[in-house]
PDB file of all heavy atoms in Angstrom:
ATOM      1  N   VAL A   1      99.516 170.784  48.626  1.00  0.00           N
ATOM      2  CA  VAL A   1      98.864 170.769  47.320  1.00  0.00           C
ATOM      3  C   VAL A   1      99.927 170.756  46.216  1.00  0.00           C
ATOM      4  O   VAL A   1      99.826 169.984  45.260  1.00  0.00           O
ATOM      5  CB  VAL A   1      97.924 171.972  47.140  1.00  0.00           C
ATOM      6  CG1 VAL A   1      97.414 172.071  45.705  1.00  0.00           C
ATOM      7  CG2 VAL A   1      96.755 171.868  48.093  1.00  0.00           C
ATOM      8  N   ARG A   2     100.958 171.620  46.367  1.00  0.00           N
ATOM      9  CA  ARG A   2     102.016 171.676  45.365  1.00  0.00           C
ATOM     10  C   ARG A   2     102.764 170.337  45.289  1.00  0.00           C
ATOM     11  O   ARG A   2     103.148 169.861  44.188  1.00  0.00           O
ATOM     12  CB  ARG A   2     102.997 172.811  45.660  1.00  0.00           C
ATOM     13  CG  ARG A   2     102.393 174.198  45.446  1.00  0.00           C
ATOM     14  CD  ARG A   2     103.467 175.268  45.508  1.00  0.00           C
ATOM     15  NE  ARG A   2     104.157 175.329  46.795  1.00  0.00           N
ATOM     16  CZ  ARG A   2     103.740 176.083  47.821  1.00  0.00           C
ATOM     17  NH1 ARG A   2     102.649 176.846  47.700  1.00  0.00           N
ATOM     18  NH2 ARG A   2     104.413 176.119  48.968  1.00  0.00           N
ATOM     19  N   GLN A   3     102.989 169.711  46.448  1.00  0.00           N
ATOM     20  CA  GLN A   3     103.676 168.443  46.469  1.00  0.00           C
ATOM     21  C   GLN A   3     102.854 167.364  45.742  1.00  0.00           C
ATOM     22  O   GLN A   3     103.394 166.556  44.971  1.00  0.00           O
ATOM     23  CB  GLN A   3     103.937 168.021  47.909  1.00  0.00           C
ATOM     24  CG  GLN A   3     104.700 166.700  48.059  1.00  0.00           C
ATOM     25  CD  GLN A   3     103.812 165.472  48.089  1.00  0.00           C
ATOM     26  OE1 GLN A   3     102.691 165.503  48.625  1.00  0.00           O
ATOM     27  NE2 GLN A   3     104.266 164.405  47.440  1.00  0.00           N
ATOM     28  N   ILE A   4     101.558 167.330  45.979  1.00  0.00           N
ATOM     29  CA  ILE A   4     100.680 166.354  45.319  1.00  0.00           C
ATOM     30  C   ILE A   4     100.663 166.578  43.819  1.00  0.00           C
ATOM     31  O   ILE A   4     100.772 165.632  43.034  1.00  0.00           O
ATOM     32  CB  ILE A   4      99.252 166.432  45.892  1.00  0.00           C
ATOM     33  CG1 ILE A   4      99.255 165.985  47.361  1.00  0.00           C
ATOM     34  CG2 ILE A   4      98.296 165.593  45.076  1.00  0.00           C
ATOM     35  CD1 ILE A   4      97.955 166.246  48.099  1.00  0.00           C
ATOM     36  N   GLU A   5     100.541 167.826  43.404  1.00  0.00           N
ATOM     37  CA  GLU A   5     100.524 168.149  41.956  1.00  0.00           C
ATOM     38  C   GLU A   5     101.822 167.734  41.300  1.00  0.00           C
ATOM     39  O   GLU A   5     101.820 167.201  40.170  1.00  0.00           O
ATOM     40  CB  GLU A   5     100.250 169.636  41.771  1.00  0.00           C
ATOM     41  CG  GLU A   5      98.831 170.034  42.141  1.00  0.00           C
ATOM     42  CD  GLU A   5      98.618 171.537  42.088  1.00  0.00           C
ATOM     43  OE1 GLU A   5      99.615 172.288  42.184  1.00  0.00           O
ATOM     44  OE2 GLU A   5      97.440 171.985  41.982  1.00  0.00           O
ATOM     45  N   ALA A   6     102.961 167.953  41.971  1.00  0.00           N
ATOM     46  CA  ALA A   6     104.229 167.525  41.409  1.00  0.00           C
ATOM     47  C   ALA A   6     104.342 166.039  41.341  1.00  0.00           C
ATOM     48  O   ALA A   6     104.856 165.464  40.366  1.00  0.00           O
ATOM     49  CB  ALA A   6     105.388 168.125  42.246  1.00  0.00           C
ATOM     50  N   TRP A   7     103.862 165.341  42.365  1.00  0.00           N
ATOM     51  CA  TRP A   7     103.868 163.872  42.380  1.00  0.00           C
ATOM     52  C   TRP A   7     103.037 163.300  41.257  1.00  0.00           C
ATOM     53  O   TRP A   7     103.449 162.339  40.592  1.00  0.00           O
ATOM     54  CB  TRP A   7     103.328 163.408  43.754  1.00  0.00           C
ATOM     55  CG  TRP A   7     103.146 161.927  43.905  1.00  0.00           C
ATOM     56  CD1 TRP A   7     104.044 160.945  43.549  1.00  0.00           C
ATOM     57  CD2 TRP A   7     102.021 161.268  44.485  1.00  0.00           C
ATOM     58  NE1 TRP A   7     103.518 159.705  43.863  1.00  0.00           N
ATOM     59  CE2 TRP A   7     102.287 159.869  44.438  1.00  0.00           C
ATOM     60  CE3 TRP A   7     100.845 161.723  45.059  1.00  0.00           C
ATOM     61  CZ2 TRP A   7     101.382 158.929  44.934  1.00  0.00           C
ATOM     62  CZ3 TRP A   7      99.939 160.787  45.557  1.00  0.00           C
ATOM     63  CH2 TRP A   7     100.210 159.407  45.475  1.00  0.00           C
ATOM     64  N   TRP A   8     101.900 163.912  40.987  1.00  0.00           N
ATOM     65  CA  TRP A   8     101.031 163.429  39.923  1.00  0.00           C
ATOM     66  C   TRP A   8     101.644 163.610  38.534  1.00  0.00           C
ATOM     67  O   TRP A   8     101.145 163.026  37.563  1.00  0.00           O
ATOM     68  CB  TRP A   8      99.673 164.133  40.009  1.00  0.00           C
ATOM     69  CG  TRP A   8      98.799 163.643  41.132  1.00  0.00           C
ATOM     70  CD1 TRP A   8      99.074 162.589  41.977  1.00  0.00           C
ATOM     71  CD2 TRP A   8      97.566 164.172  41.552  1.00  0.00           C
ATOM     72  NE1 TRP A   8      98.058 162.438  42.911  1.00  0.00           N
ATOM     73  CE2 TRP A   8      97.105 163.384  42.653  1.00  0.00           C
ATOM     74  CE3 TRP A   8      96.746 165.216  41.093  1.00  0.00           C
ATOM     75  CZ2 TRP A   8      95.901 163.627  43.313  1.00  0.00           C
ATOM     76  CZ3 TRP A   8      95.540 165.476  41.745  1.00  0.00           C
ATOM     77  CH2 TRP A   8      95.123 164.693  42.830  1.00  0.00           C
ATOM     78  N   GLN A   9     102.670 164.413  38.438  1.00  0.00           N
ATOM     79  CA  GLN A   9     103.349 164.604  37.151  1.00  0.00           C
ATOM     80  C   GLN A   9     104.560 163.689  36.964  1.00  0.00           C
ATOM     81  O   GLN A   9     105.204 163.717  35.904  1.00  0.00           O
ATOM     82  CB  GLN A   9     103.819 166.059  37.019  1.00  0.00           C
ATOM     83  CG  GLN A   9     102.660 167.067  36.985  1.00  0.00           C
ATOM     84  CD  GLN A   9     101.658 166.770  35.880  1.00  0.00           C
ATOM     85  OE1 GLN A   9     102.057 166.543  34.720  1.00  0.00           O
ATOM     86  NE2 GLN A   9     100.387 166.747  36.216  1.00  0.00           N
ATOM     87  N   THR A  10     104.878 162.859  37.982  1.00  0.00           N
ATOM     88  CA  THR A  10     106.013 161.957  37.821  1.00  0.00           C
ATOM     89  C   THR A  10     105.688 160.861  36.830  1.00  0.00           C
ATOM     90  O   THR A  10     104.532 160.613  36.489  1.00  0.00           O
ATOM     91  CB  THR A  10     106.351 161.330  39.190  1.00  0.00           C
ATOM     92  OG1 THR A  10     105.216 160.555  39.658  1.00  0.00           O
ATOM     93  CG2 THR A  10     106.714 162.394  40.229  1.00  0.00           C
ATOM     94  N   GLU A  11     106.747 160.213  36.349  1.00  0.00           N
ATOM     95  CA  GLU A  11     106.574 159.139  35.354  1.00  0.00           C
ATOM     96  C   GLU A  11     105.662 158.054  35.852  1.00  0.00           C
ATOM     97  O   GLU A  11     104.882 157.479  35.099  1.00  0.00           O
ATOM     98  CB  GLU A  11     107.945 158.574  35.009  1.00  0.00           C
ATOM     99  CG  GLU A  11     107.935 157.548  33.864  1.00  0.00           C
ATOM    100  CD  GLU A  11     107.802 156.116  34.344  1.00  0.00           C
ATOM    101  OE1 GLU A  11     108.017 155.875  35.568  1.00  0.00           O
ATOM    102  OE2 GLU A  11     107.467 155.239  33.523  1.00  0.00           O
ATOM    103  N   ARG A  12     105.690 157.779  37.144  1.00  0.00           N
ATOM    104  CA  ARG A  12     104.874 156.718  37.738  1.00  0.00           C
ATOM    105  C   ARG A  12     103.396 157.080  37.762  1.00  0.00           C
ATOM    106  O   ARG A  12     102.531 156.202  37.646  1.00  0.00           O
ATOM    107  CB  ARG A  12     105.393 156.451  39.166  1.00  0.00           C
ATOM    108  CG  ARG A  12     104.476 155.610  40.032  1.00  0.00           C
ATOM    109  CD  ARG A  12     104.344 154.177  39.527  1.00  0.00           C
ATOM    110  NE  ARG A  12     103.318 153.472  40.287  1.00  0.00           N
ATOM    111  CZ  ARG A  12     102.026 153.469  39.952  1.00  0.00           C
ATOM    112  NH1 ARG A  12     101.601 154.095  38.870  1.00  0.00           N
ATOM    113  NH2 ARG A  12     101.151 152.810  40.686  1.00  0.00           N
ATOM    114  N   GLN A  13     103.055 158.365  37.890  1.00  0.00           N
ATOM    115  CA  GLN A  13     101.677 158.772  38.113  1.00  0.00           C
ATOM    116  C   GLN A  13     101.029 159.490  36.940  1.00  0.00           C
ATOM    117  O   GLN A  13      99.804 159.657  36.904  1.00  0.00           O
ATOM    118  CB  GLN A  13     101.610 159.692  39.346  1.00  0.00           C
ATOM    119  CG  GLN A  13     101.967 159.018  40.647  1.00  0.00           C
ATOM    120  CD  GLN A  13     100.886 158.096  41.151  1.00  0.00           C
ATOM    121  OE1 GLN A  13      99.705 158.279  40.869  1.00  0.00           O
ATOM    122  NE2 GLN A  13     101.281 157.066  41.898  1.00  0.00           N
ATOM    123  N   ALA A  14     101.821 159.934  35.977  1.00  0.00           N
ATOM    124  CA  ALA A  14     101.297 160.869  34.943  1.00  0.00           C
ATOM    125  C   ALA A  14     100.212 160.292  34.088  1.00  0.00           C
ATOM    126  O   ALA A  14      99.376 161.033  33.544  1.00  0.00           O
ATOM    127  CB  ALA A  14     102.485 161.351  34.065  1.00  0.00           C
ATOM    128  N   HIS A  15     100.132 158.969  33.938  1.00  0.00           N
ATOM    129  CA  HIS A  15      99.118 158.373  33.061  1.00  0.00           C
ATOM    130  C   HIS A  15      97.746 158.302  33.705  1.00  0.00           C
ATOM    131  O   HIS A  15      96.759 158.022  33.035  1.00  0.00           O
ATOM    132  CB  HIS A  15      99.548 156.958  32.664  1.00  0.00           C
ATOM    133  CG  HIS A  15      99.626 156.013  33.813  1.00  0.00           C
ATOM    134  ND1 HIS A  15     100.630 156.040  34.763  1.00  0.00           N
ATOM    135  CD2 HIS A  15      98.763 155.026  34.243  1.00  0.00           C
ATOM    136  CE1 HIS A  15     100.421 155.119  35.670  1.00  0.00           C
ATOM    137  NE2 HIS A  15      99.298 154.490  35.400  1.00  0.00           N
ATOM    138  N   ILE A  16      97.673 158.542  35.017  1.00  0.00           N
ATOM    139  CA  ILE A  16      96.397 158.419  35.732  1.00  0.00           C
ATOM    140  C   ILE A  16      95.597 159.718  35.639  1.00  0.00           C
ATOM    141  O   ILE A  16      96.160 160.818  35.819  1.00  0.00           O
ATOM    142  CB  ILE A  16      96.657 158.061  37.206  1.00  0.00           C
ATOM    143  CG1 ILE A  16      97.378 156.709  37.292  1.00  0.00           C
ATOM    144  CG2 ILE A  16      95.348 158.039  37.997  1.00  0.00           C
ATOM    145  CD1 ILE A  16      97.943 156.394  38.651  1.00  0.00           C
ATOM    146  N   LYS A  17      94.324 159.628  35.324  1.00  0.00           N
ATOM    147  CA  LYS A  17      93.442 160.774  35.215  1.00  0.00           C
ATOM    148  C   LYS A  17      92.440 160.731  36.367  1.00  0.00           C
ATOM    149  O   LYS A  17      91.599 159.832  36.454  1.00  0.00           O
ATOM    150  CB  LYS A  17      92.707 160.785  33.879  1.00  0.00           C
ATOM    151  CG  LYS A  17      93.611 160.651  32.668  1.00  0.00           C
ATOM    152  CD  LYS A  17      94.653 161.748  32.608  1.00  0.00           C
ATOM    153  CE  LYS A  17      95.585 161.562  31.395  1.00  0.00           C
ATOM    154  NZ  LYS A  17      96.733 162.522  31.435  1.00  0.00           N
ATOM    155  N   ARG A  18      92.534 161.718  37.238  1.00  0.00           N
ATOM    156  CA  ARG A  18      91.674 161.732  38.422  1.00  0.00           C
ATOM    157  C   ARG A  18      90.480 162.651  38.234  1.00  0.00           C
ATOM    158  O   ARG A  18      90.648 163.737  37.678  1.00  0.00           O
ATOM    159  CB  ARG A  18      92.480 162.173  39.627  1.00  0.00           C
ATOM    160  CG  ARG A  18      93.532 161.142  40.067  1.00  0.00           C
ATOM    161  CD  ARG A  18      94.813 161.828  40.439  1.00  0.00           C
ATOM    162  NE  ARG A  18      95.710 160.884  41.135  1.00  0.00           N
ATOM    163  CZ  ARG A  18      96.858 160.443  40.619  1.00  0.00           C
ATOM    164  NH1 ARG A  18      97.237 160.847  39.418  1.00  0.00           N
ATOM    165  NH2 ARG A  18      97.637 159.592  41.302  1.00  0.00           N
ATOM    166  N   PRO A  19      89.316 162.280  38.768  1.00  0.00           N
ATOM    167  CA  PRO A  19      88.149 163.135  38.671  1.00  0.00           C
ATOM    168  C   PRO A  19      88.059 164.109  39.840  1.00  0.00           C
ATOM    169  O   PRO A  19      86.972 164.663  40.112  1.00  0.00           O
ATOM    170  CB  PRO A  19      86.995 162.121  38.693  1.00  0.00           C
ATOM    171  CG  PRO A  19      87.476 161.015  39.533  1.00  0.00           C
ATOM    172  CD  PRO A  19      88.985 160.932  39.273  1.00  0.00           C
ATOM    173  N   TYR A  20      89.174 164.317  40.585  1.00  0.00           N
ATOM    174  CA  TYR A  20      89.187 165.210  41.726  1.00  0.00           C
ATOM    175  C   TYR A  20      90.485 165.989  41.682  1.00  0.00           C
ATOM    176  O   TYR A  20      91.387 165.701  40.929  1.00  0.00           O
ATOM    177  CB  TYR A  20      89.027 164.425  43.033  1.00  0.00           C
ATOM    178  CG  TYR A  20      89.900 163.202  43.157  1.00  0.00           C
ATOM    179  CD1 TYR A  20      91.298 163.306  43.374  1.00  0.00           C
ATOM    180  CD2 TYR A  20      89.397 161.928  42.984  1.00  0.00           C
ATOM    181  CE1 TYR A  20      92.099 162.211  43.459  1.00  0.00           C
ATOM    182  CE2 TYR A  20      90.222 160.797  43.054  1.00  0.00           C
ATOM    183  CZ  TYR A  20      91.549 160.949  43.304  1.00  0.00           C
ATOM    184  OH  TYR A  20      92.365 159.845  43.382  1.00  0.00           O
ATOM    185  N   SER A  21      90.565 167.000  42.549  1.00  0.00           N
ATOM    186  CA  SER A  21      91.707 167.907  42.537  1.00  0.00           C
ATOM    187  C   SER A  21      92.733 167.553  43.626  1.00  0.00           C
ATOM    188  O   SER A  21      92.411 166.847  44.589  1.00  0.00           O
ATOM    189  CB  SER A  21      91.241 169.352  42.754  1.00  0.00           C
ATOM    190  OG  SER A  21      90.722 169.511  44.075  1.00  0.00           O
ATOM    191  N   ALA A  22      93.935 168.105  43.475  1.00  0.00           N
ATOM    192  CA  ALA A  22      94.960 167.936  44.487  1.00  0.00           C
ATOM    193  C   ALA A  22      94.532 168.621  45.791  1.00  0.00           C
ATOM    194  O   ALA A  22      94.882 168.134  46.903  1.00  0.00           O
ATOM    195  CB  ALA A  22      96.289 168.517  43.988  1.00  0.00           C
ATOM    196  N   LYS A  23      93.759 169.693  45.705  1.00  0.00           N
ATOM    197  CA  LYS A  23      93.287 170.378  46.912  1.00  0.00           C
ATOM    198  C   LYS A  23      92.381 169.448  47.725  1.00  0.00           C
ATOM    199  O   LYS A  23      92.449 169.434  48.959  1.00  0.00           O
ATOM    200  CB  LYS A  23      92.548 171.651  46.521  1.00  0.00           C
ATOM    201  CG  LYS A  23      93.451 172.792  46.123  1.00  0.00           C
ATOM    202  CD  LYS A  23      92.664 174.084  45.934  1.00  0.00           C
ATOM    203  CE  LYS A  23      93.573 175.241  45.624  1.00  0.00           C
ATOM    204  NZ  LYS A  23      92.809 176.510  45.484  1.00  0.00           N
ATOM    205  N   SER A  24      91.528 168.689  47.025  1.00  0.00           N
ATOM    206  CA  SER A  24      90.632 167.791  47.729  1.00  0.00           C
ATOM    207  C   SER A  24      91.422 166.718  48.474  1.00  0.00           C
ATOM    208  O   SER A  24      91.077 166.356  49.616  1.00  0.00           O
ATOM    209  CB  SER A  24      89.673 167.118  46.756  1.00  0.00           C
ATOM    210  OG  SER A  24      88.807 168.098  46.199  1.00  0.00           O
ATOM    211  N   ILE A  25      92.471 166.195  47.813  1.00  0.00           N
ATOM    212  CA  ILE A  25      93.278 165.160  48.458  1.00  0.00           C
ATOM    213  C   ILE A  25      94.045 165.734  49.631  1.00  0.00           C
ATOM    214  O   ILE A  25      94.143 165.122  50.711  1.00  0.00           O
ATOM    215  CB  ILE A  25      94.212 164.515  47.440  1.00  0.00           C
ATOM    216  CG1 ILE A  25      93.414 163.779  46.346  1.00  0.00           C
ATOM    217  CG2 ILE A  25      95.191 163.563  48.135  1.00  0.00           C
ATOM    218  CD1 ILE A  25      92.505 162.692  46.871  1.00  0.00           C
ATOM    219  N   ALA A  26      94.615 166.924  49.459  1.00  0.00           N
ATOM    220  CA  ALA A  26      95.387 167.537  50.555  1.00  0.00           C
ATOM    221  C   ALA A  26      94.497 167.779  51.759  1.00  0.00           C
ATOM    222  O   ALA A  26      94.939 167.612  52.901  1.00  0.00           O
ATOM    223  CB  ALA A  26      95.978 168.854  50.082  1.00  0.00           C
ATOM    224  N   ALA A  27      93.242 168.137  51.522  1.00  0.00           N
ATOM    225  CA  ALA A  27      92.338 168.400  52.615  1.00  0.00           C
ATOM    226  C   ALA A  27      91.962 167.125  53.379  1.00  0.00           C
ATOM    227  O   ALA A  27      91.556 167.180  54.556  1.00  0.00           O
ATOM    228  CB  ALA A  27      91.071 169.085  52.110  1.00  0.00           C
ATOM    229  N   LEU A  28      92.136 165.972  52.744  1.00  0.00           N
ATOM    230  CA  LEU A  28      91.820 164.677  53.362  1.00  0.00           C
ATOM    231  C   LEU A  28      93.019 164.023  54.019  1.00  0.00           C
ATOM    232  O   LEU A  28      92.888 162.969  54.643  1.00  0.00           O
ATOM    233  CB  LEU A  28      91.214 163.735  52.307  1.00  0.00           C
ATOM    234  CG  LEU A  28      89.823 164.112  51.803  1.00  0.00           C
ATOM    235  CD1 LEU A  28      89.476 163.295  50.574  1.00  0.00           C
ATOM    236  CD2 LEU A  28      88.790 163.907  52.885  1.00  0.00           C
ATOM    237  N   ARG A  29      94.191 164.630  53.885  1.00  0.00           N
ATOM    238  CA  ARG A  29      95.400 164.061  54.479  1.00  0.00           C
ATOM    239  C   ARG A  29      95.585 164.521  55.928  1.00  0.00           C
ATOM    240  O   ARG A  29      94.980 165.491  56.361  1.00  0.00           O
ATOM    241  CB  ARG A  29      96.648 164.467  53.664  1.00  0.00           C
ATOM    242  CG  ARG A  29      96.781 163.714  52.344  1.00  0.00           C
ATOM    243  CD  ARG A  29      98.087 164.059  51.672  1.00  0.00           C
ATOM    244  NE  ARG A  29      98.349 163.219  50.519  1.00  0.00           N
ATOM    245  CZ  ARG A  29      99.469 163.280  49.793  1.00  0.00           C
ATOM    246  NH1 ARG A  29     100.416 164.141  50.116  1.00  0.00           N
ATOM    247  NH2 ARG A  29      99.646 162.474  48.798  1.00  0.00           N
ATOM    248  N   ASN A  30      96.445 163.809  56.632  1.00  0.00           N
ATOM    249  CA  ASN A  30      96.875 164.252  57.960  1.00  0.00           C
ATOM    250  C   ASN A  30      97.996 165.275  57.771  1.00  0.00           C
ATOM    251  O   ASN A  30      99.169 164.939  57.752  1.00  0.00           O
ATOM    252  CB  ASN A  30      97.364 163.066  58.809  1.00  0.00           C
ATOM    253  CG  ASN A  30      96.268 162.046  59.033  1.00  0.00           C
ATOM    254  OD1 ASN A  30      96.229 160.995  58.450  1.00  0.00           O
ATOM    255  ND2 ASN A  30      95.376 162.372  59.946  1.00  0.00           N
ATOM    256  N   LEU A  31      97.609 166.518  57.593  1.00  0.00           N
ATOM    257  CA  LEU A  31      98.557 167.573  57.233  1.00  0.00           C
ATOM    258  C   LEU A  31      99.626 167.707  58.295  1.00  0.00           C
ATOM    259  O   LEU A  31      99.321 167.813  59.528  1.00  0.00           O
ATOM    260  CB  LEU A  31      97.790 168.868  57.068  1.00  0.00           C
ATOM    261  CG  LEU A  31      98.532 170.033  56.374  1.00  0.00           C
ATOM    262  CD1 LEU A  31      98.948 169.633  54.969  1.00  0.00           C
ATOM    263  CD2 LEU A  31      97.638 171.268  56.343  1.00  0.00           C
ATOM    264  N   GLY A  32     100.872 167.698  57.887  1.00  0.00           N
ATOM    265  CA  GLY A  32     101.967 167.860  58.823  1.00  0.00           C
ATOM    266  C   GLY A  32     102.433 166.552  59.453  1.00  0.00           C
ATOM    267  O   GLY A  32     103.307 166.570  60.352  1.00  0.00           O
ATOM    268  N   PHE A  33     101.872 165.436  59.022  1.00  0.00           N
ATOM    269  CA  PHE A  33     102.274 164.141  59.566  1.00  0.00           C
ATOM    270  C   PHE A  33     102.377 163.163  58.418  1.00  0.00           C
ATOM    271  O   PHE A  33     101.381 162.668  57.913  1.00  0.00           O
ATOM    272  CB  PHE A  33     101.228 163.650  60.600  1.00  0.00           C
ATOM    273  CG  PHE A  33     101.683 162.439  61.376  1.00  0.00           C
ATOM    274  CD1 PHE A  33     102.488 162.585  62.484  1.00  0.00           C
ATOM    275  CD2 PHE A  33     101.287 161.171  60.991  1.00  0.00           C
ATOM    276  CE1 PHE A  33     102.909 161.472  63.211  1.00  0.00           C
ATOM    277  CE2 PHE A  33     101.699 160.054  61.695  1.00  0.00           C
ATOM    278  CZ  PHE A  33     102.510 160.213  62.818  1.00  0.00           C
ATOM    279  N   LYS A  34     103.576 162.873  58.001  1.00  0.00           N
ATOM    280  CA  LYS A  34     103.835 162.038  56.817  1.00  0.00           C
ATOM    281  C   LYS A  34     104.234 160.644  57.213  1.00  0.00           C
ATOM    282  O   LYS A  34     105.149 160.450  58.055  1.00  0.00           O
ATOM    283  CB  LYS A  34     104.946 162.670  55.979  1.00  0.00           C
ATOM    284  CG  LYS A  34     105.383 161.863  54.760  1.00  0.00           C
ATOM    285  CD  LYS A  34     104.286 161.832  53.691  1.00  0.00           C
ATOM    286  CE  LYS A  34     104.811 161.192  52.413  1.00  0.00           C
ATOM    287  NZ  LYS A  34     103.739 161.033  51.400  1.00  0.00           N
ATOM    288  N   ILE A  35     103.588 159.624  56.627  1.00  0.00           N
ATOM    289  CA  ILE A  35     103.949 158.231  56.861  1.00  0.00           C
ATOM    290  C   ILE A  35     104.475 157.650  55.569  1.00  0.00           C
ATOM    291  O   ILE A  35     103.851 157.796  54.504  1.00  0.00           O
ATOM    292  CB  ILE A  35     102.712 157.407  57.331  1.00  0.00           C
ATOM    293  CG1 ILE A  35     102.120 157.996  58.589  1.00  0.00           C
ATOM    294  CG2 ILE A  35     103.116 155.944  57.565  1.00  0.00           C
ATOM    295  CD1 ILE A  35     100.857 157.328  59.089  1.00  0.00           C
ATOM    296  N   GLU A  36     105.599 156.985  55.634  1.00  0.00           N
ATOM    297  CA  GLU A  36     106.166 156.302  54.453  1.00  0.00           C
ATOM    298  C   GLU A  36     105.781 154.825  54.549  1.00  0.00           C
ATOM    299  O   GLU A  36     106.094 154.152  55.536  1.00  0.00           O
ATOM    300  CB  GLU A  36     107.697 156.447  54.421  1.00  0.00           C
ATOM    301  CG  GLU A  36     108.176 157.871  54.285  1.00  0.00           C
ATOM    302  CD  GLU A  36     107.929 158.447  52.894  1.00  0.00           C
ATOM    303  OE1 GLU A  36     107.664 157.617  51.957  1.00  0.00           O
ATOM    304  OE2 GLU A  36     107.979 159.686  52.737  1.00  0.00           O
ATOM    305  N   TYR A  37     105.119 154.310  53.507  1.00  0.00           N
ATOM    306  CA  TYR A  37     104.654 152.948  53.520  1.00  0.00           C
ATOM    307  C   TYR A  37     105.515 152.072  52.589  1.00  0.00           C
ATOM    308  O   TYR A  37     105.739 152.464  51.425  1.00  0.00           O
ATOM    309  CB  TYR A  37     103.203 152.866  53.034  1.00  0.00           C
ATOM    310  CG  TYR A  37     102.207 153.557  53.942  1.00  0.00           C
ATOM    311  CD1 TYR A  37     101.801 154.849  53.684  1.00  0.00           C
ATOM    312  CD2 TYR A  37     101.700 152.906  55.061  1.00  0.00           C
ATOM    313  CE1 TYR A  37     100.875 155.497  54.520  1.00  0.00           C
ATOM    314  CE2 TYR A  37     100.766 153.527  55.890  1.00  0.00           C
ATOM    315  CZ  TYR A  37     100.375 154.809  55.619  1.00  0.00           C
ATOM    316  OH  TYR A  37      99.479 155.431  56.436  1.00  0.00           O
ATOM    317  N   PRO A  38     105.976 150.926  53.068  1.00  0.00           N
ATOM    318  CA  PRO A  38     106.731 149.998  52.185  1.00  0.00           C
ATOM    319  C   PRO A  38     105.924 149.621  50.948  1.00  0.00           C
ATOM    320  O   PRO A  38     106.493 149.333  49.895  1.00  0.00           O
ATOM    321  CB  PRO A  38     106.978 148.774  53.094  1.00  0.00           C
ATOM    322  CG  PRO A  38     106.936 149.302  54.488  1.00  0.00           C
ATOM    323  CD  PRO A  38     105.909 150.402  54.456  1.00  0.00           C
ATOM    324  N   SER A  39     104.603 149.610  51.024  1.00  0.00           N
ATOM    325  CA  SER A  39     103.765 149.300  49.883  1.00  0.00           C
ATOM    326  C   SER A  39     104.080 150.190  48.709  1.00  0.00           C
ATOM    327  O   SER A  39     104.032 149.792  47.542  1.00  0.00           O
ATOM    328  CB  SER A  39     102.289 149.468  50.282  1.00  0.00           C
ATOM    329  OG  SER A  39     101.441 149.323  49.200  1.00  0.00           O
ATOM    330  N   SER A  40     104.421 151.451  48.984  1.00  0.00           N
ATOM    331  CA  SER A  40     104.711 152.411  47.925  1.00  0.00           C
ATOM    332  C   SER A  40     105.995 152.032  47.195  1.00  0.00           C
ATOM    333  O   SER A  40     106.080 152.056  45.960  1.00  0.00           O
ATOM    334  CB  SER A  40     104.836 153.822  48.516  1.00  0.00           C
ATOM    335  OG  SER A  40     104.907 154.805  47.515  1.00  0.00           O
ATOM    336  N   ALA A  41     107.022 151.665  47.967  1.00  0.00           N
ATOM    337  CA  ALA A  41     108.296 151.236  47.354  1.00  0.00           C
ATOM    338  C   ALA A  41     108.109 149.971  46.536  1.00  0.00           C
ATOM    339  O   ALA A  41     108.675 149.832  45.443  1.00  0.00           O
ATOM    340  CB  ALA A  41     109.331 151.013  48.433  1.00  0.00           C
ATOM    341  N   GLN A  42     107.299 149.041  47.049  1.00  0.00           N
ATOM    342  CA  GLN A  42     107.057 147.798  46.312  1.00  0.00           C
ATOM    343  C   GLN A  42     106.229 148.077  45.053  1.00  0.00           C
ATOM    344  O   GLN A  42     106.415 147.407  44.037  1.00  0.00           O
ATOM    345  CB  GLN A  42     106.335 146.801  47.218  1.00  0.00           C
ATOM    346  CG  GLN A  42     107.185 146.240  48.349  1.00  0.00           C
ATOM    347  CD  GLN A  42     108.381 145.454  47.856  1.00  0.00           C
ATOM    348  OE1 GLN A  42     109.418 146.015  47.544  1.00  0.00           O
ATOM    349  NE2 GLN A  42     108.235 144.120  47.780  1.00  0.00           N
ATOM    350  N   GLY A  43     105.349 149.048  45.131  1.00  0.00           N
ATOM    351  CA  GLY A  43     104.584 149.420  43.934  1.00  0.00           C
ATOM    352  C   GLY A  43     105.474 149.994  42.868  1.00  0.00           C
ATOM    353  O   GLY A  43     105.340 149.686  41.669  1.00  0.00           O
ATOM    354  N   ARG A  44     106.437 150.827  43.246  1.00  0.00           N
ATOM    355  CA  ARG A  44     107.363 151.372  42.259  1.00  0.00           C
ATOM    356  C   ARG A  44     108.277 150.297  41.685  1.00  0.00           C
ATOM    357  O   ARG A  44     108.593 150.317  40.480  1.00  0.00           O
ATOM    358  CB  ARG A  44     108.219 152.493  42.895  1.00  0.00           C
ATOM    359  CG  ARG A  44     107.417 153.757  43.207  1.00  0.00           C
ATOM    360  CD  ARG A  44     108.344 154.894  43.623  1.00  0.00           C
ATOM    361  NE  ARG A  44     109.021 154.644  44.883  1.00  0.00           N
ATOM    362  CZ  ARG A  44     108.537 154.949  46.066  1.00  0.00           C
ATOM    363  NH1 ARG A  44     107.359 155.551  46.156  1.00  0.00           N
ATOM    364  NH2 ARG A  44     109.233 154.734  47.170  1.00  0.00           N
TER     365      ARG A  44
END
């Protein structure tokens, strides 16, 4: 949850307003298993 909240404050994400919480997103993730997607690097 802390990682998501910090990510949402980055320059890339700060302008987005979500109607849900970081807790909701964390609960929907595969906790403890992180995948890095090239799509993310291309998006940045």
